[in-house]
């Protein structure tokens, strides 16, 4: 299997892709392609599904909640089961 191209990623994204965010992922991915098993289709599919979800299809390169997303989740009871009596 050959390395995935930027054009393929753009086609899979739901909207416009931030090109610098895309490059920051593809360059190291191609460098370590085989070392991390990304030459296997099932691993590549899992990686891109997770990464595209977490980055909003390459629109974001950091947490939307800010640096302390865990604390933000605790302030909203419906987003966390870490409150007393919930688990």
N, C-alpha and C. Protein backbone atom coordinates (compact mmCIF):
# COMPACT_ATOMS: atom_id res chain seq x y z
N UNK A 1 0.85 -1.18 0.00
CA UNK A 1 0.00 0.00 0.00
C UNK A 1 0.89 1.24 0.00
N UNK A 2 0.57 2.19 -0.82
CA UNK A 2 1.36 3.43 -0.88
C UNK A 2 0.82 4.45 0.11
N UNK A 3 1.63 5.44 0.39
CA UNK A 3 1.26 6.48 1.36
C UNK A 3 0.03 7.24 0.89
N UNK A 4 -0.74 7.69 1.85
CA UNK A 4 -1.95 8.46 1.54
C UNK A 4 -1.55 9.88 1.11
N UNK A 5 -2.31 10.45 0.22
CA UNK A 5 -1.98 11.79 -0.29
C UNK A 5 -2.88 12.85 0.35
N UNK A 6 -2.43 14.08 0.27
CA UNK A 6 -3.22 15.21 0.77
C UNK A 6 -4.55 15.28 0.03
N UNK A 7 -4.54 14.99 -1.25
CA UNK A 7 -5.77 15.03 -2.05
C UNK A 7 -6.79 14.00 -1.52
N UNK A 8 -6.32 12.82 -1.14
CA UNK A 8 -7.23 11.81 -0.60
C UNK A 8 -7.84 12.26 0.72
N UNK A 9 -7.03 12.88 1.57
CA UNK A 9 -7.53 13.37 2.85
C UNK A 9 -8.55 14.48 2.64
N UNK A 10 -8.25 15.40 1.73
CA UNK A 10 -9.20 16.48 1.44
C UNK A 10 -10.54 15.92 0.97
N UNK A 11 -10.50 14.87 0.16
CA UNK A 11 -11.73 14.27 -0.36
C UNK A 11 -12.54 13.62 0.76
N UNK A 12 -11.87 13.10 1.78
CA UNK A 12 -12.56 12.43 2.88
C UNK A 12 -13.11 13.42 3.91
N UNK A 13 -12.56 14.60 3.97
CA UNK A 13 -12.98 15.60 4.97
C UNK A 13 -14.36 16.14 4.63
N UNK A 14 -15.09 16.53 5.66
CA UNK A 14 -16.44 17.06 5.47
C UNK A 14 -16.46 18.47 4.92
N UNK A 15 -15.42 19.22 5.19
CA UNK A 15 -15.37 20.61 4.76
C UNK A 15 -13.97 21.00 4.35
N UNK A 16 -13.73 22.28 4.38
CA UNK A 16 -12.42 22.80 4.01
C UNK A 16 -11.36 22.39 5.03
N UNK A 17 -10.19 21.99 4.54
CA UNK A 17 -9.09 21.51 5.37
C UNK A 17 -8.07 22.62 5.57
N UNK A 18 -7.60 22.80 6.81
CA UNK A 18 -6.50 23.73 7.08
C UNK A 18 -5.22 23.06 6.60
N UNK A 19 -4.61 23.62 5.56
CA UNK A 19 -3.48 22.98 4.90
C UNK A 19 -2.27 22.81 5.82
N UNK A 20 -2.02 23.76 6.70
CA UNK A 20 -0.86 23.62 7.58
C UNK A 20 -1.10 22.51 8.60
N UNK A 21 -2.32 22.36 9.09
CA UNK A 21 -2.64 21.25 10.00
C UNK A 21 -2.51 19.91 9.28
N UNK A 22 -2.96 19.87 8.05
CA UNK A 22 -2.85 18.65 7.26
C UNK A 22 -1.39 18.27 7.05
N UNK A 23 -0.56 19.24 6.69
CA UNK A 23 0.86 18.97 6.47
C UNK A 23 1.54 18.51 7.75
N UNK A 24 1.13 19.07 8.89
CA UNK A 24 1.76 18.68 10.16
C UNK A 24 1.46 17.23 10.52
N UNK A 25 0.45 16.65 9.91
CA UNK A 25 0.12 15.24 10.13
C UNK A 25 0.75 14.36 9.05
N UNK A 26 0.65 14.77 7.80
CA UNK A 26 1.13 13.92 6.71
C UNK A 26 2.64 13.77 6.67
N UNK A 27 3.38 14.82 6.98
CA UNK A 27 4.85 14.73 6.90
C UNK A 27 5.39 13.66 7.85
N UNK A 28 5.08 13.71 9.16
CA UNK A 28 5.58 12.65 10.03
C UNK A 28 4.96 11.28 9.74
N UNK A 29 3.70 11.27 9.30
CA UNK A 29 3.07 10.00 8.96
C UNK A 29 3.84 9.30 7.85
N UNK A 30 4.21 10.03 6.82
CA UNK A 30 4.97 9.43 5.73
C UNK A 30 6.37 9.01 6.18
N UNK A 31 6.96 9.77 7.08
CA UNK A 31 8.30 9.44 7.57
C UNK A 31 8.30 8.12 8.35
N UNK A 32 7.26 7.91 9.17
CA UNK A 32 7.21 6.73 10.03
C UNK A 32 6.13 5.73 9.60
N UNK A 33 5.75 5.79 8.35
CA UNK A 33 4.68 5.00 7.75
C UNK A 33 4.71 3.53 8.16
N UNK A 34 5.79 2.84 7.84
CA UNK A 34 5.87 1.41 8.12
C UNK A 34 6.18 1.12 9.58
N UNK A 35 6.97 1.97 10.21
CA UNK A 35 7.37 1.75 11.60
C UNK A 35 6.17 1.59 12.53
N UNK A 36 5.12 2.36 12.28
CA UNK A 36 3.93 2.29 13.12
C UNK A 36 2.78 1.51 12.50
N UNK A 37 3.07 0.76 11.44
CA UNK A 37 2.07 -0.12 10.86
C UNK A 37 1.01 0.56 10.03
N UNK A 38 1.28 1.78 9.58
CA UNK A 38 0.29 2.50 8.79
C UNK A 38 0.21 2.01 7.35
N UNK A 39 1.06 1.05 7.01
CA UNK A 39 0.97 0.44 5.70
C UNK A 39 -0.12 -0.64 5.68
N UNK A 40 -0.78 -0.83 6.81
CA UNK A 40 -1.90 -1.78 6.91
C UNK A 40 -3.21 -0.98 6.85
N UNK A 41 -4.06 -1.30 5.89
CA UNK A 41 -5.27 -0.50 5.67
C UNK A 41 -6.15 -0.32 6.90
N UNK A 42 -6.31 -1.35 7.71
CA UNK A 42 -7.20 -1.22 8.88
C UNK A 42 -6.63 -0.24 9.90
N UNK A 43 -5.32 -0.19 10.06
CA UNK A 43 -4.72 0.76 10.99
C UNK A 43 -4.82 2.19 10.46
N UNK A 44 -4.61 2.34 9.18
CA UNK A 44 -4.70 3.67 8.58
C UNK A 44 -6.12 4.21 8.69
N UNK A 45 -7.11 3.35 8.45
CA UNK A 45 -8.51 3.78 8.55
C UNK A 45 -8.84 4.21 9.98
N UNK A 46 -8.38 3.45 10.96
CA UNK A 46 -8.64 3.80 12.36
C UNK A 46 -7.96 5.11 12.73
N UNK A 47 -6.72 5.27 12.29
CA UNK A 47 -5.96 6.48 12.59
C UNK A 47 -6.66 7.72 12.03
N UNK A 48 -7.02 7.67 10.75
CA UNK A 48 -7.63 8.84 10.13
C UNK A 48 -9.03 9.11 10.67
N UNK A 49 -9.78 8.09 10.97
CA UNK A 49 -11.11 8.32 11.56
C UNK A 49 -10.99 9.05 12.88
N UNK A 50 -10.08 8.59 13.74
CA UNK A 50 -9.89 9.23 15.04
C UNK A 50 -9.34 10.64 14.87
N UNK A 51 -8.32 10.79 14.03
CA UNK A 51 -7.67 12.09 13.89
C UNK A 51 -8.61 13.12 13.27
N UNK A 52 -9.38 12.71 12.28
CA UNK A 52 -10.30 13.65 11.65
C UNK A 52 -11.41 14.05 12.62
N UNK A 53 -11.83 13.13 13.46
CA UNK A 53 -12.84 13.47 14.47
C UNK A 53 -12.26 14.45 15.49
N UNK A 54 -11.08 14.15 16.02
CA UNK A 54 -10.48 14.98 17.07
C UNK A 54 -10.10 16.37 16.58
N UNK A 55 -9.76 16.49 15.31
CA UNK A 55 -9.30 17.79 14.79
C UNK A 55 -10.38 18.54 14.03
N UNK A 56 -11.59 18.00 14.00
CA UNK A 56 -12.66 18.66 13.25
C UNK A 56 -12.31 18.74 11.77
N UNK A 57 -11.87 17.61 11.22
CA UNK A 57 -11.43 17.54 9.82
C UNK A 57 -10.30 18.53 9.54
N UNK A 58 -9.32 18.53 10.43
CA UNK A 58 -8.09 19.34 10.29
C UNK A 58 -8.32 20.84 10.45
N UNK A 59 -9.45 21.24 11.02
CA UNK A 59 -9.67 22.67 11.26
C UNK A 59 -8.96 23.14 12.52
N UNK A 60 -8.84 22.27 13.52
CA UNK A 60 -8.27 22.67 14.81
C UNK A 60 -6.97 21.93 15.08
N UNK A 61 -6.04 22.63 15.72
CA UNK A 61 -4.78 21.98 16.08
C UNK A 61 -4.54 22.00 17.59
N UNK A 62 -5.55 22.43 18.35
CA UNK A 62 -5.46 22.39 19.81
C UNK A 62 -6.87 22.25 20.37
N UNK A 63 -6.95 21.95 21.66
CA UNK A 63 -8.24 21.73 22.30
C UNK A 63 -9.13 22.97 22.21
N UNK A 64 -10.37 22.80 21.85
CA UNK A 64 -11.32 23.90 21.79
C UNK A 64 -11.62 24.40 23.20
N UNK A 65 -11.65 23.48 24.16
CA UNK A 65 -11.92 23.84 25.55
C UNK A 65 -10.76 24.59 26.17
N UNK A 66 -9.63 24.58 25.55
CA UNK A 66 -8.44 25.19 26.14
C UNK A 66 -7.53 24.11 26.71
N UNK A 67 -6.55 24.54 27.45
CA UNK A 67 -5.55 23.61 27.95
C UNK A 67 -6.09 22.68 29.02
N UNK A 68 -7.16 23.05 29.70
CA UNK A 68 -7.67 22.26 30.81
C UNK A 68 -9.04 21.69 30.49
N UNK A 69 -9.12 20.88 29.45
CA UNK A 69 -10.41 20.32 29.02
C UNK A 69 -11.01 19.41 30.08
N UNK A 70 -10.18 18.70 30.85
CA UNK A 70 -10.68 17.82 31.90
C UNK A 70 -11.45 18.58 32.96
N UNK A 71 -10.91 19.69 33.39
CA UNK A 71 -11.59 20.51 34.40
C UNK A 71 -12.88 21.09 33.83
N UNK A 72 -12.88 21.45 32.57
CA UNK A 72 -14.09 21.98 31.95
C UNK A 72 -15.19 20.92 31.93
N UNK A 73 -14.83 19.68 31.68
CA UNK A 73 -15.82 18.60 31.67
C UNK A 73 -16.43 18.41 33.05
N UNK A 74 -15.63 18.58 34.08
CA UNK A 74 -16.14 18.42 35.45
C UNK A 74 -17.13 19.51 35.83
N UNK A 75 -17.05 20.66 35.20
CA UNK A 75 -17.98 21.75 35.49
C UNK A 75 -19.34 21.51 34.85
N UNK A 76 -19.44 20.55 33.95
CA UNK A 76 -20.68 20.25 33.25
C UNK A 76 -21.06 18.81 33.56
N UNK A 77 -21.96 18.59 34.52
CA UNK A 77 -22.28 17.23 34.98
C UNK A 77 -22.71 16.28 33.87
N UNK A 78 -23.36 16.76 32.84
CA UNK A 78 -23.81 15.86 31.78
C UNK A 78 -22.66 15.36 30.92
N UNK A 79 -21.47 15.90 31.07
CA UNK A 79 -20.33 15.49 30.26
C UNK A 79 -19.36 14.59 31.01
N UNK A 80 -19.61 14.32 32.25
CA UNK A 80 -18.66 13.55 33.04
C UNK A 80 -19.38 12.68 34.06
N UNK A 81 -18.89 11.48 34.25
CA UNK A 81 -19.45 10.58 35.26
C UNK A 81 -18.60 10.62 36.53
N UNK A 82 -17.80 11.64 36.70
CA UNK A 82 -16.91 11.71 37.84
C UNK A 82 -17.51 12.47 39.02
N UNK A 83 -18.78 12.74 38.99
CA UNK A 83 -19.43 13.44 40.09
C UNK A 83 -19.96 12.43 41.10
N UNK A 84 -20.12 12.85 42.31
CA UNK A 84 -20.59 11.98 43.38
C UNK A 84 -21.90 11.30 42.99
N UNK A 85 -21.94 10.00 43.19
CA UNK A 85 -23.15 9.24 42.91
C UNK A 85 -23.34 8.83 41.47
N UNK A 86 -22.39 9.12 40.60
CA UNK A 86 -22.55 8.79 39.19
C UNK A 86 -21.66 7.65 38.74
N UNK A 87 -21.06 6.94 39.61
CA UNK A 87 -20.30 5.84 39.09
C UNK A 87 -19.22 5.33 39.88
